[in-house]
Amino acid sequence: MPDPTGFLRIDRRLPQRRPVPVRIMDWREVYPPATDELIREQATRCMDCGIPFCHDGCPLGNRIPDWNDLVRTGGWAAAIESLHATNNFPEFTGRLCPAPCEAACVLGIAGGAPVTIKQVEVEIINRAVGAGLVTPHPVPEPSGRRVAVVGSGPAGLAAAQQLARAGHAVTVFERDDAIGGLMRYGIPDFKLEKEHIDLRLAQLAAEGVQFRTGVNVGVDVTAEQLRADHDAVLLACGALAGRDTPATPGRALRGVHLAMEHLVESNRVVAAAAAHARTAEAAGVVAVEPPSETGSSHVDGVPVDRPAIDAAGRHVVIIGGGDTAADCLGVAHRQGAAGVYQLDLYPEPPSARDEARDPWPTWPWVLREYPAHEEGGERVFAVAVQEFVDDGTGAVRAVRIAEVTVTKRDGERILTVVPGTERELPADLVLLAIGFEGTEQQPLLEQLRLVRNRRGAIDSDGDWQTATKGVFVAGDMHRGASLIVWAIAEGRAAAAAIHSYLGGVGELPAPVVPTAQPLAAR
């Protein structure tokens, strides 16, 4: 029984972020661990609604009121059991998901303050790891069936764990040199320190999941070979084809890059320094060099090599208003940018939900302040780049922007430039964070005779199977770029379909169907 007056007595409160001057000098996560008192207090605000709309906000179907009440009463061990029943990786979702569950919380009606669901979730898994409660599940009797999972992001890993726990022999193929998909090199450490991925991978490996890195399926291993060696194949390659703007004058200038080109290289540099730091620690070497004045050039005292695409000392312009743009902003601060502008095509959103536009419990269009915005930079709304300006040597020196209005006609977006509003912003590094166009065109798709749809994704039937028999698809490769909770939900659902296809005993949980969509007003 929840506390019936908790939400009346207790205000919403999050743990304080690490101070800006401190955190921009390293790559550690922004939030420090929260106290038991704070998290139990915040969990007490949950009303255990008769109809918990937070369940509908989250595609995983997380049992949010259940584990909130367990946290309130100090039942941390039972809380992680409840959380793991629907979510394979709460340490990822609790750090990376924007929390549509909170947007659907009943306490958010009429501008109220929802329960801090995401923070409670991450503290449950943090305490479970600390208490040694995240252990491998016993490996069941082998089914004799083999499954290949192509891609090691959250969708692929969730499916792999579900199938391995059902007794199938699972091999995950990853073309990068480390497992984790976009989480490994696409997400900065200040949002997700990579030790969380490694801890979970150790659990999967102990449960029998095999990992093969540095394998580009379709090139190093043909689709024909893969299908011959396995009874089923799951494609979970993500949606990494970055949206570009080739028609904009000056796009070919040096210094203009897709955002992921910058993020991946920067994160690889940080990963190399972290590995060096671990090696030094194991050898008993203590590094004492101070951080550089040009940005966070050390990880745990170990010097970080400068990436080729480096914001240090540069005037940076980030084009885009979403998560990837905010990641670029945080990286630019830590690399020591001279200044940063973040440009958004749309007008500045309201600070609170517009009920006429986005009625509760749908996901609202509101101004989202990421920790990186607290760290610096200037946001400019309702503008579009008209030209990347050449410095005379083939490098960008500025962006010429103009104010615009955005309308839609027959589903098409129409930009109208406001006359007399053009101006230049200094820029010697421009990062395009304007979204993704679906999964990448690659030899694997050609070999499987699969064609991307108009969204750049791969279609499936009602059982997650593609047009090629025995080949399934899940996550962003199927849905298009989306939230991590949708990736995990699709991975779990696809695993259930594969288990059935292989004649497995019983049923695995399937939280969503291929046509499922987020809550929306009709």
Protein backbone atom coordinates (compact mmCIF):
# COMPACT_ATOMS: atom_id res chain seq x y z
CA MET A 1 0.00 0.00 0.00
CA PRO A 2 1.60 3.29 -1.07
CA ASP A 3 1.70 6.40 1.06
CA PRO A 4 -1.60 8.11 0.12
CA THR A 5 -0.31 11.59 1.01
CA GLY A 6 3.29 11.32 -0.17
CA PHE A 7 2.76 13.45 -3.28
CA LEU A 8 1.07 16.13 -1.14
CA ARG A 9 3.87 16.32 1.42
CA ILE A 10 6.94 15.91 -0.80
CA ASP A 11 8.08 18.05 -3.72
CA ARG A 12 9.85 16.64 -6.77
CA ARG A 13 13.59 16.81 -6.28
CA LEU A 14 16.60 15.46 -8.20
CA PRO A 15 20.14 15.02 -6.90
CA GLN A 16 22.36 18.00 -7.57
CA ARG A 17 24.61 17.71 -10.61
CA ARG A 18 28.34 17.91 -10.17
CA PRO A 19 29.49 21.56 -10.33
CA VAL A 20 30.02 22.79 -13.89
CA PRO A 21 33.62 23.98 -13.39
CA VAL A 22 34.52 20.55 -12.05
CA ARG A 23 32.69 18.30 -14.46
CA ILE A 24 33.80 19.96 -17.68
CA MET A 25 37.38 19.13 -16.72
CA ASP A 26 36.74 15.39 -16.91
CA TRP A 27 34.52 12.85 -18.68
CA ARG A 28 32.75 11.43 -15.64
CA GLU A 29 28.96 11.24 -15.43
CA VAL A 30 27.17 14.47 -14.58
CA TYR A 31 25.07 13.08 -11.72
CA PRO A 32 26.72 11.76 -8.54
CA PRO A 33 25.07 8.86 -6.69
CA ALA A 34 21.91 9.90 -4.85
CA THR A 35 21.31 9.22 -1.17
CA ASP A 36 18.93 6.51 0.00
CA GLU A 37 16.94 9.19 1.79
CA LEU A 38 16.37 11.23 -1.37
CA ILE A 39 15.39 8.28 -3.54
CA ARG A 40 13.05 6.74 -0.96
CA GLU A 41 11.48 10.17 -0.47
CA GLN A 42 10.89 10.60 -4.20
CA ALA A 43 9.52 7.06 -4.59
CA THR A 44 7.04 7.91 -1.85
CA ARG A 45 5.44 10.46 -4.18
CA CYS A 46 4.12 7.62 -6.40
CA MET A 47 0.37 7.13 -5.86
CA ASP A 48 0.15 3.59 -7.33
CA CYS A 49 -2.65 4.83 -9.57
CA GLY A 50 -5.55 2.53 -10.32
CA ILE A 51 -4.69 3.01 -13.99
CA PRO A 52 -0.92 3.66 -14.10
CA PHE A 53 -0.50 5.64 -17.31
CA CYS A 54 3.27 5.51 -16.82
CA HIS A 55 3.01 1.89 -18.01
CA ASP A 56 1.66 3.13 -21.32
CA GLY A 57 4.26 5.86 -21.61
CA CYS A 58 7.00 3.20 -21.47
CA PRO A 59 6.93 0.54 -24.23
CA LEU A 60 8.70 -1.91 -21.93
CA GLY A 61 5.70 -2.01 -19.63
CA ASN A 62 7.91 -1.38 -16.60
CA ARG A 63 6.09 -2.06 -13.32
CA ILE A 64 6.82 1.42 -12.08
CA PRO A 65 4.41 1.69 -9.12
CA ASP A 66 5.55 -1.72 -7.87
CA TRP A 67 9.23 -0.88 -7.66
CA ASN A 68 8.54 2.64 -6.44
CA ASP A 69 6.74 1.21 -3.41
CA LEU A 70 9.47 -1.37 -2.85
CA VAL A 71 12.04 1.44 -2.78
CA ARG A 72 9.83 3.43 -0.41
CA THR A 73 9.83 0.55 2.07
CA GLY A 74 13.52 -0.27 1.62
CA GLY A 75 12.99 -3.44 -0.45
CA TRP A 76 15.88 -2.80 -2.83
CA ALA A 77 16.48 -6.49 -3.67
CA ALA A 78 12.84 -7.04 -4.59
CA ALA A 79 12.85 -3.76 -6.52
CA ILE A 80 15.61 -4.93 -8.88
CA GLU A 81 13.75 -8.20 -9.45
CA SER A 82 10.65 -6.25 -10.44
CA LEU A 83 12.65 -3.92 -12.66
CA HIS A 84 14.56 -6.73 -14.38
CA ALA A 85 11.30 -8.57 -15.08
CA THR A 86 10.58 -6.10 -17.89
CA ASN A 87 13.89 -4.35 -18.59
CA ASN A 88 17.18 -6.13 -19.32
CA PHE A 89 19.30 -3.00 -18.95
CA PRO A 90 17.96 -0.39 -16.49
CA GLU A 91 21.51 1.00 -16.12
CA PHE A 92 21.24 2.12 -19.76
CA THR A 93 17.64 3.36 -19.79
CA GLY A 94 18.03 5.10 -16.43
CA ARG A 95 20.86 7.17 -17.90
CA LEU A 96 19.89 7.60 -21.56
CA CYS A 97 16.10 7.53 -21.86
CA PRO A 98 14.28 10.91 -21.84
CA ALA A 99 11.58 9.25 -19.71
CA PRO A 100 8.24 9.26 -21.57
CA CYS A 101 6.97 7.45 -18.47
CA GLU A 102 7.35 10.69 -16.52
CA ALA A 103 5.43 12.61 -19.17
CA ALA A 104 2.60 10.10 -18.63
CA CYS A 105 2.69 10.27 -14.81
CA VAL A 106 -0.66 11.28 -13.30
CA LEU A 107 1.10 13.80 -11.07
CA GLY A 108 2.03 15.69 -14.24
CA ILE A 109 -1.59 16.59 -15.02
CA ALA A 110 -2.28 20.33 -15.20
CA GLY A 111 1.37 21.27 -14.96
CA GLY A 112 2.15 19.17 -11.90
CA ALA A 113 5.51 17.60 -11.10
CA PRO A 114 5.76 13.89 -12.03
CA VAL A 115 7.56 11.27 -9.99
CA THR A 116 11.31 11.12 -10.68
CA ILE A 117 10.87 7.67 -12.22
CA LYS A 118 14.09 7.69 -14.21
CA GLN A 119 16.22 8.62 -11.20
CA VAL A 120 14.59 5.96 -9.01
CA GLU A 121 15.22 3.40 -11.75
CA VAL A 122 18.93 4.15 -12.09
CA GLU A 123 19.43 4.12 -8.32
CA ILE A 124 17.79 0.69 -8.06
CA ILE A 125 20.26 -0.80 -10.54
CA ASN A 126 23.20 1.12 -9.02
CA ARG A 127 22.47 -0.43 -5.62
CA ALA A 128 21.88 -3.86 -7.14
CA VAL A 129 25.31 -3.77 -8.79
CA GLY A 130 26.92 -2.56 -5.58
CA ALA A 131 25.24 -5.35 -3.59
CA GLY A 132 26.27 -8.06 -6.06
CA LEU A 133 22.68 -8.75 -7.11
CA VAL A 134 23.32 -8.59 -10.88
CA THR A 135 24.49 -12.15 -11.46
CA PRO A 136 24.24 -14.55 -14.41
CA HIS A 137 21.06 -16.56 -14.69
CA PRO A 138 21.58 -20.33 -14.66
CA VAL A 139 22.12 -21.59 -18.20
CA PRO A 140 19.19 -23.86 -19.13
CA GLU A 141 19.28 -27.10 -21.06
CA PRO A 142 20.59 -26.25 -24.55
CA SER A 143 17.91 -26.22 -27.24
CA GLY A 144 20.38 -27.18 -29.97
CA ARG A 145 19.33 -24.10 -31.94
CA ARG A 146 21.74 -21.37 -33.02
CA VAL A 147 20.89 -17.70 -33.49
CA ALA A 148 23.03 -14.92 -35.01
CA VAL A 149 22.44 -11.37 -33.84
CA VAL A 150 23.95 -8.74 -36.14
CA GLY A 151 24.52 -5.56 -34.16
CA SER A 152 25.29 -5.11 -30.47
CA GLY A 153 23.23 -2.11 -29.47
CA PRO A 154 20.44 -2.32 -26.88
CA ALA A 155 18.03 -4.14 -29.23
CA GLY A 156 20.55 -6.79 -30.21
CA LEU A 157 21.83 -7.31 -26.67
CA ALA A 158 18.33 -7.55 -25.20
CA ALA A 159 17.36 -10.16 -27.78
CA ALA A 160 20.61 -12.05 -27.22
CA GLN A 161 20.06 -12.25 -23.47
CA GLN A 162 16.44 -13.36 -23.81
CA LEU A 163 17.32 -16.09 -26.32
CA ALA A 164 20.34 -17.33 -24.36
CA ARG A 165 18.23 -17.63 -21.22
CA ALA A 166 15.78 -19.72 -23.26
CA GLY A 167 18.56 -22.19 -24.07
CA HIS A 168 19.55 -21.11 -27.57
CA ALA A 169 23.18 -20.68 -28.63
CA VAL A 170 23.55 -16.98 -29.47
CA THR A 171 26.41 -15.24 -31.25
CA VAL A 172 26.46 -11.45 -31.49
CA PHE A 173 28.37 -9.96 -34.44
CA GLU A 174 29.69 -6.39 -34.21
CA ARG A 175 31.72 -4.59 -36.89
CA ASP A 176 33.36 -2.24 -34.36
CA ASP A 177 36.21 -3.33 -32.12
CA ALA A 178 34.03 -3.35 -29.00
CA ILE A 179 30.48 -4.43 -28.12
CA GLY A 180 27.78 -1.88 -27.34
CA GLY A 181 26.63 -0.40 -30.64
CA LEU A 182 25.92 3.32 -30.49
CA MET A 183 26.23 3.23 -26.69
CA ARG A 184 29.93 2.33 -26.95
CA TYR A 185 31.29 5.11 -29.16
CA GLY A 186 28.24 7.26 -29.96
CA ILE A 187 27.33 8.26 -26.40
CA PRO A 188 29.83 10.38 -24.40
CA ASP A 189 31.04 9.08 -21.05
CA PHE A 190 29.53 12.03 -19.20
CA LYS A 191 26.16 10.43 -19.99
CA LEU A 192 27.15 6.75 -19.82
CA GLU A 193 30.47 5.59 -18.43
CA LYS A 194 31.41 2.46 -20.31
CA GLU A 195 31.99 0.34 -17.22
CA HIS A 196 28.21 -0.10 -17.12
CA ILE A 197 28.29 -1.74 -20.55
CA ASP A 198 31.22 -3.95 -19.59
CA LEU A 199 29.56 -5.17 -16.39
CA ARG A 200 26.46 -6.20 -18.29
CA LEU A 201 28.47 -7.87 -21.06
CA ALA A 202 30.20 -9.99 -18.44
CA GLN A 203 26.78 -11.22 -17.32
CA LEU A 204 25.73 -12.04 -20.89
CA ALA A 205 28.98 -13.87 -21.55
CA ALA A 206 28.51 -15.95 -18.40
CA GLU A 207 25.02 -16.83 -19.64
CA GLY A 208 26.51 -18.25 -22.82
CA VAL A 209 26.30 -15.36 -25.30
CA GLN A 210 29.27 -15.36 -27.69
CA PHE A 211 30.66 -12.07 -29.03
CA ARG A 212 32.54 -11.55 -32.28
CA THR A 213 33.90 -8.05 -32.80
CA GLY A 214 35.53 -6.59 -35.88
CA VAL A 215 33.21 -8.60 -38.13
CA ASN A 216 31.34 -6.69 -40.82
CA VAL A 217 28.61 -9.15 -41.78
CA GLY A 218 28.08 -8.99 -45.51
CA VAL A 219 31.78 -8.28 -46.06
CA ASP A 220 33.86 -10.44 -43.71
CA VAL A 221 31.11 -13.06 -43.48
CA THR A 222 28.49 -13.37 -46.20
CA ALA A 223 24.80 -13.55 -45.47
CA GLU A 224 24.77 -17.00 -47.03
CA GLN A 225 27.43 -18.22 -44.60
CA LEU A 226 25.61 -16.66 -41.66
CA ARG A 227 22.31 -18.33 -42.53
CA ALA A 228 24.01 -21.68 -43.17
CA ASP A 229 25.60 -21.60 -39.71
CA HIS A 230 22.52 -20.48 -37.79
CA ASP A 231 18.87 -21.45 -37.49
CA ALA A 232 17.72 -17.82 -37.30
CA VAL A 233 19.24 -14.38 -37.82
CA LEU A 234 18.26 -11.13 -36.11
CA LEU A 235 19.25 -7.85 -37.75
CA ALA A 236 19.75 -5.09 -35.18
CA CYS A 237 22.19 -2.79 -36.99
CA GLY A 238 20.64 0.48 -35.87
CA ALA A 239 19.85 3.59 -37.92
CA LEU A 240 23.22 5.24 -38.37
CA ALA A 241 22.81 6.90 -41.77
CA GLY A 242 23.21 10.53 -40.76
CA ARG A 243 21.05 13.18 -42.39
CA ASP A 244 23.14 15.61 -44.39
CA THR A 245 22.59 18.91 -46.17
CA PRO A 246 24.55 18.54 -49.43
CA ALA A 247 22.66 21.29 -51.23
CA THR A 248 23.72 24.00 -48.78
CA PRO A 249 26.48 26.17 -50.35
CA GLY A 250 29.86 25.44 -48.77
CA ARG A 251 28.95 21.99 -47.41
CA ALA A 252 32.20 20.55 -48.81
CA LEU A 253 34.39 22.98 -46.87
CA ARG A 254 36.90 21.65 -44.37
CA GLY A 255 35.53 21.83 -40.84
CA VAL A 256 31.94 20.86 -41.69
CA HIS A 257 31.16 17.37 -40.38
CA LEU A 258 28.31 15.04 -39.53
CA ALA A 259 27.91 14.97 -35.76
CA MET A 260 28.62 11.26 -35.40
CA GLU A 261 31.97 11.63 -37.15
CA HIS A 262 32.98 13.93 -34.33
CA LEU A 263 31.36 12.01 -31.46
CA VAL A 264 32.65 8.59 -32.42
CA GLU A 265 36.23 9.76 -32.81
CA SER A 266 36.12 11.79 -29.58
CA ASN A 267 34.67 8.87 -27.63
CA ARG A 268 37.27 6.49 -29.03
CA VAL A 269 40.01 8.81 -27.76
CA VAL A 270 38.43 8.91 -24.30
CA ALA A 271 38.03 5.11 -24.32
CA ALA A 272 41.72 4.65 -25.17
CA ALA A 273 42.75 6.93 -22.31
CA ALA A 274 40.42 5.11 -19.90
CA ALA A 275 41.96 1.77 -20.92
CA HIS A 276 45.42 3.26 -20.37
CA ALA A 277 44.33 4.49 -16.93
CA ARG A 278 43.11 1.02 -15.96
CA THR A 279 46.38 -0.52 -17.12
CA ALA A 280 48.37 2.06 -15.15
CA GLU A 281 46.25 1.47 -12.05
CA ALA A 282 46.75 -2.29 -12.31
CA ALA A 283 50.51 -1.67 -12.51
CA GLY A 284 50.41 0.59 -9.46
CA VAL A 285 51.22 3.77 -11.43
CA VAL A 286 49.54 6.95 -10.24
CA ALA A 287 49.19 9.78 -12.77
CA VAL A 288 49.27 13.27 -11.31
CA GLU A 289 49.40 15.58 -14.35
CA PRO A 290 46.84 18.41 -14.14
CA PRO A 291 44.18 18.98 -16.81
CA SER A 292 45.09 21.14 -19.78
CA GLU A 293 43.82 24.70 -20.11
CA THR A 294 42.47 23.80 -23.54
CA GLY A 295 39.90 21.40 -22.14
CA SER A 296 39.54 18.03 -20.48
CA SER A 297 42.65 16.36 -21.84
CA HIS A 298 42.93 13.77 -19.06
CA VAL A 299 40.95 10.72 -17.98
CA ASP A 300 41.75 9.68 -14.42
CA GLY A 301 45.05 11.53 -14.77
CA VAL A 302 46.00 9.94 -18.07
CA PRO A 303 46.54 12.33 -21.05
CA VAL A 304 43.92 12.12 -23.77
CA ASP A 305 45.17 12.34 -27.37
CA ARG A 306 43.52 15.13 -29.33
CA PRO A 307 41.05 13.84 -31.94
CA ALA A 308 41.39 14.94 -35.54
CA ILE A 309 38.02 16.71 -35.30
CA ASP A 310 38.75 18.77 -32.21
CA ALA A 311 36.76 21.64 -30.71
CA ALA A 312 39.70 22.95 -28.67
CA GLY A 313 40.04 26.71 -29.18
CA ARG A 314 37.48 26.73 -31.98
CA HIS A 315 34.23 28.56 -32.60
CA VAL A 316 31.76 25.70 -32.89
CA VAL A 317 28.33 25.77 -34.49
CA ILE A 318 26.07 22.78 -33.84
CA ILE A 319 23.06 22.46 -36.13
CA GLY A 320 20.21 20.54 -34.52
CA GLY A 321 18.20 20.60 -31.32
CA GLY A 322 18.04 17.00 -30.11
CA ASP A 323 20.03 14.56 -27.99
CA THR A 324 22.90 14.24 -30.47
CA ALA A 325 23.30 18.01 -30.62
CA ALA A 326 23.41 18.18 -26.81
CA ASP A 327 26.06 15.43 -26.80
CA CYS A 328 28.16 17.49 -29.22
CA LEU A 329 27.72 20.52 -26.98
CA GLY A 330 28.97 18.67 -23.90
CA VAL A 331 31.95 17.29 -25.82
CA ALA A 332 32.81 20.77 -27.15
CA HIS A 333 32.86 22.16 -23.61
CA ARG A 334 35.19 19.38 -22.42
CA GLN A 335 37.50 19.78 -25.39
CA GLY A 336 37.87 23.50 -24.67
CA ALA A 337 35.85 25.24 -27.39
CA ALA A 338 36.26 29.01 -27.63
CA GLY A 339 32.50 29.36 -28.01
CA VAL A 340 29.49 27.35 -29.12
CA TYR A 341 26.24 28.17 -30.88
CA GLN A 342 23.48 25.58 -31.16
CA LEU A 343 21.00 26.27 -33.95
CA ASP A 344 17.44 24.99 -34.09
CA LEU A 345 15.14 25.24 -37.08
CA TYR A 346 12.02 25.55 -34.95
CA PRO A 347 10.91 28.37 -32.63
CA GLU A 348 11.74 28.12 -28.95
CA PRO A 349 9.33 25.64 -27.35
CA PRO A 350 7.22 26.59 -24.33
CA SER A 351 8.53 25.79 -20.86
CA ALA A 352 5.39 23.80 -19.99
CA ARG A 353 3.06 21.44 -21.83
CA ASP A 354 0.58 23.00 -24.24
CA GLU A 355 -2.50 20.89 -23.53
CA ALA A 356 -4.16 21.93 -26.78
CA ARG A 357 -1.21 20.67 -28.79
CA ASP A 358 0.04 17.76 -26.65
CA PRO A 359 -2.60 16.68 -24.13
CA TRP A 360 -1.48 14.60 -21.17
CA PRO A 361 -0.28 11.77 -21.16
CA THR A 362 1.39 12.21 -24.59
CA TRP A 363 5.02 13.29 -25.01
CA PRO A 364 4.99 17.11 -24.97
CA TRP A 365 6.88 19.57 -27.12
CA VAL A 366 8.64 21.65 -24.45
CA LEU A 367 12.01 23.32 -24.03
CA ARG A 368 14.40 20.63 -22.81
CA GLU A 369 17.43 21.79 -20.88
CA TYR A 370 20.21 19.21 -20.94
CA PRO A 371 23.15 19.35 -18.51
CA ALA A 372 25.33 20.48 -21.43
CA HIS A 373 23.25 23.65 -21.77
CA GLU A 374 24.00 24.51 -18.16
CA GLU A 375 27.69 24.25 -19.03
CA GLY A 376 27.65 27.02 -21.63
CA GLY A 377 26.92 27.89 -25.23
CA GLU A 378 24.14 29.89 -26.83
CA ARG A 379 20.97 28.45 -28.34
CA VAL A 380 19.47 30.18 -31.38
CA PHE A 381 15.96 29.21 -32.43
CA ALA A 382 13.97 29.57 -35.66
CA VAL A 383 16.98 29.90 -37.93
CA ALA A 384 18.37 27.98 -40.90
CA VAL A 385 21.85 27.97 -42.42
CA GLN A 386 21.95 29.63 -45.82
CA GLU A 387 25.67 29.12 -46.49
CA PHE A 388 28.87 27.78 -44.96
CA VAL A 389 31.28 30.63 -45.62
CA ASP A 390 34.74 29.93 -47.09
CA ASP A 391 37.82 31.51 -45.49
CA GLY A 392 39.51 31.57 -48.88
CA THR A 393 41.52 28.39 -48.34
CA GLY A 394 38.69 25.85 -48.54
CA ALA A 395 37.90 25.86 -44.80
CA VAL A 396 34.79 27.18 -43.09
CA ARG A 397 35.12 30.51 -41.25
CA ALA A 398 31.45 31.31 -40.57
CA VAL A 399 27.87 30.22 -41.14
CA ARG A 400 25.39 32.61 -42.72
CA ILE A 401 22.00 32.13 -41.10
CA ALA A 402 18.55 33.63 -41.52
CA GLU A 403 15.42 33.56 -39.43
CA VAL A 404 12.75 31.24 -40.83
CA THR A 405 9.17 30.16 -40.30
CA VAL A 406 8.24 26.51 -40.64
CA THR A 407 4.88 25.32 -41.92
CA LYS A 408 3.57 22.00 -43.17
CA ARG A 409 1.55 21.36 -46.28
CA ASP A 410 0.43 17.87 -47.30
CA GLY A 411 2.98 16.41 -44.90
CA GLU A 412 5.82 18.42 -46.44
CA ARG A 413 7.86 20.86 -44.36
CA ILE A 414 8.09 24.33 -45.92
CA LEU A 415 10.70 26.87 -44.81
CA THR A 416 10.16 30.56 -45.43
CA VAL A 417 13.08 32.94 -44.90
CA VAL A 418 12.25 36.15 -43.07
CA PRO A 419 13.61 38.98 -45.25
CA GLY A 420 16.36 41.13 -43.81
CA THR A 421 17.35 38.70 -41.05
CA GLU A 422 20.54 37.26 -42.48
CA ARG A 423 23.70 37.39 -40.39
CA GLU A 424 26.95 35.54 -39.87
CA LEU A 425 28.16 33.54 -36.89
CA PRO A 426 31.87 32.77 -36.56
CA ALA A 427 32.56 29.09 -37.11
CA ASP A 428 35.66 27.04 -37.78
CA LEU A 429 33.97 23.78 -36.75
CA VAL A 430 30.40 22.95 -37.80
CA LEU A 431 28.63 19.79 -36.64
CA LEU A 432 25.47 18.56 -38.37
CA ALA A 433 23.21 16.92 -35.78
CA ILE A 434 20.02 17.00 -37.82
CA GLY A 435 18.87 13.44 -37.38
CA PHE A 436 19.21 10.09 -39.12
CA GLU A 437 17.82 8.74 -42.37
CA GLY A 438 17.51 5.12 -41.30
CA THR A 439 19.79 2.13 -41.47
CA GLU A 440 22.85 2.28 -43.68
CA GLN A 441 22.81 0.76 -47.15
CA GLN A 442 25.22 -2.15 -46.94
CA PRO A 443 26.17 -5.39 -48.71
CA LEU A 444 24.32 -7.44 -46.08
CA LEU A 445 20.97 -6.03 -47.20
CA GLU A 446 21.74 -6.72 -50.85
CA GLN A 447 22.77 -10.29 -50.08
CA LEU A 448 19.53 -10.85 -48.13
CA ARG A 449 17.51 -9.12 -50.89
CA LEU A 450 16.11 -6.64 -48.40
CA VAL A 451 15.16 -3.11 -49.43
CA ARG A 452 14.90 -0.10 -47.14
CA ASN A 453 11.48 1.52 -47.01
CA ARG A 454 10.86 5.24 -47.49
CA ARG A 455 12.01 5.88 -43.89
CA GLY A 456 15.25 4.02 -44.51
CA ALA A 457 14.13 1.15 -42.26
CA ILE A 458 13.56 -2.56 -42.85
CA ASP A 459 9.98 -3.80 -42.77
CA SER A 460 8.81 -6.93 -41.00
CA ASP A 461 5.66 -8.97 -40.76
CA GLY A 462 3.64 -9.31 -37.58
CA ASP A 463 6.20 -11.71 -36.14
CA TRP A 464 9.26 -9.49 -36.72
CA GLN A 465 10.35 -11.58 -39.71
CA THR A 466 11.59 -9.78 -42.81
CA ALA A 467 10.80 -10.73 -46.40
CA THR A 468 13.64 -13.27 -46.13
CA LYS A 469 12.61 -16.40 -44.24
CA GLY A 470 14.37 -16.91 -40.94
CA VAL A 471 15.74 -13.36 -40.89
CA PHE A 472 14.21 -11.04 -38.29
CA VAL A 473 14.69 -7.34 -37.56
CA ALA A 474 14.34 -5.15 -34.46
CA GLY A 475 15.29 -1.81 -32.96
CA ASP A 476 16.17 1.32 -34.90
CA MET A 477 16.87 -0.74 -38.00
CA HIS A 478 13.16 -1.56 -38.02
CA ARG A 479 11.65 1.51 -36.35
CA GLY A 480 14.04 4.26 -37.41
CA ALA A 481 16.02 6.32 -34.90
CA SER A 482 14.09 6.18 -31.65
CA LEU A 483 14.41 5.89 -27.87
CA ILE A 484 16.46 3.25 -26.11
CA VAL A 485 13.36 1.86 -24.38
CA TRP A 486 11.83 1.13 -27.78
CA ALA A 487 15.03 -0.62 -28.88
CA ILE A 488 15.02 -2.90 -25.84
CA ALA A 489 11.28 -3.53 -26.16
CA GLU A 490 11.64 -4.50 -29.81
CA GLY A 491 14.65 -6.69 -29.02
CA ARG A 492 12.66 -8.56 -26.38
CA ALA A 493 9.64 -8.92 -28.67
CA ALA A 494 11.75 -10.14 -31.61
CA ALA A 495 13.43 -12.66 -29.30
CA ALA A 496 10.00 -14.00 -28.39
CA ALA A 497 9.14 -14.39 -32.08
CA ILE A 498 12.44 -16.14 -32.83
CA HIS A 499 11.94 -18.48 -29.87
CA SER A 500 8.54 -19.44 -31.26
CA TYR A 501 9.95 -19.81 -34.78
CA LEU A 502 12.58 -22.22 -33.45
CA GLY A 503 9.95 -24.31 -31.68
CA GLY A 504 11.05 -23.27 -28.23
CA VAL A 505 9.20 -24.44 -25.14
CA GLY A 506 6.84 -21.87 -23.62
CA GLU A 507 6.65 -18.20 -24.47
CA LEU A 508 9.01 -15.30 -23.94
CA PRO A 509 7.64 -11.84 -23.03
CA ALA A 510 6.81 -9.62 -26.01
CA PRO A 511 6.08 -6.09 -24.78
CA VAL A 512 5.33 -4.59 -28.21
CA VAL A 513 4.19 -5.56 -31.70
CA PRO A 514 5.94 -4.34 -34.87
CA THR A 515 3.28 -1.70 -35.53
CA ALA A 516 3.30 -0.25 -31.99
CA GLN A 517 3.62 3.52 -31.69
CA PRO A 518 4.15 5.94 -28.79
CA LEU A 519 1.16 7.51 -27.08
CA ALA A 520 -0.32 10.18 -29.32
CA ALA A 521 -3.43 12.33 -29.45
CA ARG A 522 -5.75 11.34 -32.28
